[in-house]
Amino acid sequence: MRTLEQSEFYVADAPAILAGYPTVALYVAAILARRLDAANRWLVAVKRRLQTGEPPSVIGKAVEKVEELLSYGGRDPIGW
């Protein structure tokens, strides 16, 4: 992970959050599930593009999108 400026991060105590704030835990799980689903859809699209012989530049852009989705939760746009 890289930051653009000096940053501080805190590691959450997952069992304590789940016990004390189950709604927060469910919200975080939903966000992570959406990100994983979007990344999975892009990976399937990359596989299809590879099988059809798309140019490396097109495939490279799709791989970058998967990285973005998994890194910091970019949105899953329609199309390439």
C-alpha atoms as a PDB file:
ATOM      1  CA  MET A   1       0.000   0.000   0.000  1.00  0.00           C
ATOM      2  CA  ARG A   2       1.268   3.480  -0.827  1.00  0.00           C
ATOM      3  CA  THR A   3      -0.004   6.808   0.386  1.00  0.00           C
ATOM      4  CA  LEU A   4       0.290  10.229  -1.166  1.00  0.00           C
ATOM      5  CA  GLU A   5       0.978  11.815   2.189  1.00  0.00           C
ATOM      6  CA  GLN A   6       1.934  10.716   5.689  1.00  0.00           C
ATOM      7  CA  SER A   7      -0.867   8.565   7.065  1.00  0.00           C
ATOM      8  CA  GLU A   8      -1.781   6.563  10.137  1.00  0.00           C
ATOM      9  CA  PHE A   9      -3.636   3.290  10.070  1.00  0.00           C
ATOM     10  CA  TYR A  10      -5.259   1.311  12.831  1.00  0.00           C
ATOM     11  CA  VAL A  11      -5.851  -2.414  12.848  1.00  0.00           C
ATOM     12  CA  ALA A  12      -9.382  -3.223  13.881  1.00  0.00           C
ATOM     13  CA  ASP A  13     -10.077  -5.868  16.504  1.00  0.00           C
ATOM     14  CA  ALA A  14     -12.435  -7.985  14.390  1.00  0.00           C
ATOM     15  CA  PRO A  15     -13.902 -10.121  17.209  1.00  0.00           C
ATOM     16  CA  ALA A  16     -14.627  -7.014  19.307  1.00  0.00           C
ATOM     17  CA  ILE A  17     -16.290  -5.209  16.391  1.00  0.00           C
ATOM     18  CA  LEU A  18     -18.365  -8.268  15.516  1.00  0.00           C
ATOM     19  CA  ALA A  19     -19.476  -8.668  19.137  1.00  0.00           C
ATOM     20  CA  GLY A  20     -20.115  -4.996  19.819  1.00  0.00           C
ATOM     21  CA  TYR A  21     -21.124  -3.658  16.409  1.00  0.00           C
ATOM     22  CA  PRO A  22     -22.486  -6.440  14.196  1.00  0.00           C
ATOM     23  CA  THR A  23     -24.026  -3.894  11.805  1.00  0.00           C
ATOM     24  CA  VAL A  24     -20.598  -2.380  11.136  1.00  0.00           C
ATOM     25  CA  ALA A  25     -19.127  -5.837  10.510  1.00  0.00           C
ATOM     26  CA  LEU A  26     -21.959  -6.650   8.089  1.00  0.00           C
ATOM     27  CA  TYR A  27     -21.452  -3.349   6.267  1.00  0.00           C
ATOM     28  CA  VAL A  28     -17.714  -3.991   5.839  1.00  0.00           C
ATOM     29  CA  ALA A  29     -18.400  -7.561   4.684  1.00  0.00           C
ATOM     30  CA  ALA A  30     -20.880  -6.270   2.078  1.00  0.00           C
ATOM     31  CA  ILE A  31     -18.353  -3.757   0.729  1.00  0.00           C
ATOM     32  CA  LEU A  32     -15.655  -6.427   0.485  1.00  0.00           C
ATOM     33  CA  ALA A  33     -18.049  -8.850  -1.199  1.00  0.00           C
ATOM     34  CA  ARG A  34     -18.968  -6.245  -3.847  1.00  0.00           C
ATOM     35  CA  ARG A  35     -15.300  -5.535  -4.535  1.00  0.00           C
ATOM     36  CA  LEU A  36     -14.495  -9.234  -4.849  1.00  0.00           C
ATOM     37  CA  ASP A  37     -17.471  -9.819  -7.140  1.00  0.00           C
ATOM     38  CA  ALA A  38     -16.463  -6.923  -9.412  1.00  0.00           C
ATOM     39  CA  ALA A  39     -12.851  -8.127  -9.555  1.00  0.00           C
ATOM     40  CA  ASN A  40     -14.029 -11.639 -10.367  1.00  0.00           C
ATOM     41  CA  ARG A  41     -16.191 -10.352 -13.242  1.00  0.00           C
ATOM     42  CA  TRP A  42     -13.218  -8.455 -14.646  1.00  0.00           C
ATOM     43  CA  LEU A  43     -10.995 -11.546 -14.378  1.00  0.00           C
ATOM     44  CA  VAL A  44     -13.554 -13.557 -16.335  1.00  0.00           C
ATOM     45  CA  ALA A  45     -13.567 -10.791 -18.960  1.00  0.00           C
ATOM     46  CA  VAL A  46      -9.757 -10.846 -19.112  1.00  0.00           C
ATOM     47  CA  LYS A  47      -9.827 -14.605 -19.653  1.00  0.00           C
ATOM     48  CA  ARG A  48     -12.304 -14.174 -22.520  1.00  0.00           C
ATOM     49  CA  ARG A  49     -10.144 -11.443 -24.055  1.00  0.00           C
ATOM     50  CA  LEU A  50      -7.079 -13.688 -23.864  1.00  0.00           C
ATOM     51  CA  GLN A  51      -8.957 -16.534 -25.535  1.00  0.00           C
ATOM     52  CA  THR A  52     -10.097 -14.287 -28.390  1.00  0.00           C
ATOM     53  CA  GLY A  53      -6.614 -12.895 -28.988  1.00  0.00           C
ATOM     54  CA  GLU A  54      -7.159  -9.278 -27.928  1.00  0.00           C
ATOM     55  CA  PRO A  55      -4.124  -6.994 -28.139  1.00  0.00           C
ATOM     56  CA  PRO A  56      -1.888  -6.864 -25.041  1.00  0.00           C
ATOM     57  CA  SER A  57      -2.791  -3.190 -24.472  1.00  0.00           C
ATOM     58  CA  VAL A  58      -6.485  -4.055 -24.041  1.00  0.00           C
ATOM     59  CA  ILE A  59      -5.702  -6.941 -21.728  1.00  0.00           C
ATOM     60  CA  GLY A  60      -3.257  -4.785 -19.770  1.00  0.00           C
ATOM     61  CA  LYS A  61      -5.939  -2.169 -19.117  1.00  0.00           C
ATOM     62  CA  ALA A  62      -8.314  -4.842 -17.838  1.00  0.00           C
ATOM     63  CA  VAL A  63      -5.650  -6.271 -15.523  1.00  0.00           C
ATOM     64  CA  GLU A  64      -4.983  -2.760 -14.172  1.00  0.00           C
ATOM     65  CA  LYS A  65      -8.714  -2.440 -13.437  1.00  0.00           C
ATOM     66  CA  VAL A  66      -8.691  -5.697 -11.472  1.00  0.00           C
ATOM     67  CA  GLU A  67      -5.709  -4.433  -9.490  1.00  0.00           C
ATOM     68  CA  GLU A  68      -7.553  -1.185  -8.789  1.00  0.00           C
ATOM     69  CA  LEU A  69     -10.674  -2.992  -7.619  1.00  0.00           C
ATOM     70  CA  LEU A  70      -8.697  -5.197  -5.266  1.00  0.00           C
ATOM     71  CA  SER A  71      -6.388  -2.448  -4.033  1.00  0.00           C
ATOM     72  CA  TYR A  72      -8.705   0.340  -3.011  1.00  0.00           C
ATOM     73  CA  GLY A  73     -12.206  -0.421  -4.185  1.00  0.00           C
ATOM     74  CA  GLY A  74     -12.502   1.338  -7.502  1.00  0.00           C
ATOM     75  CA  ARG A  75     -15.921   1.163  -9.085  1.00  0.00           C
ATOM     76  CA  ASP A  76     -16.826  -1.432 -11.674  1.00  0.00           C
ATOM     77  CA  PRO A  77     -17.673   0.563 -14.804  1.00  0.00           C
ATOM     78  CA  ILE A  78     -19.696  -0.817 -17.659  1.00  0.00           C
ATOM     79  CA  GLY A  79     -17.510  -1.848 -20.573  1.00  0.00           C
ATOM     80  CA  TRP A  80     -13.786  -1.366 -21.001  1.00  0.00           C
END
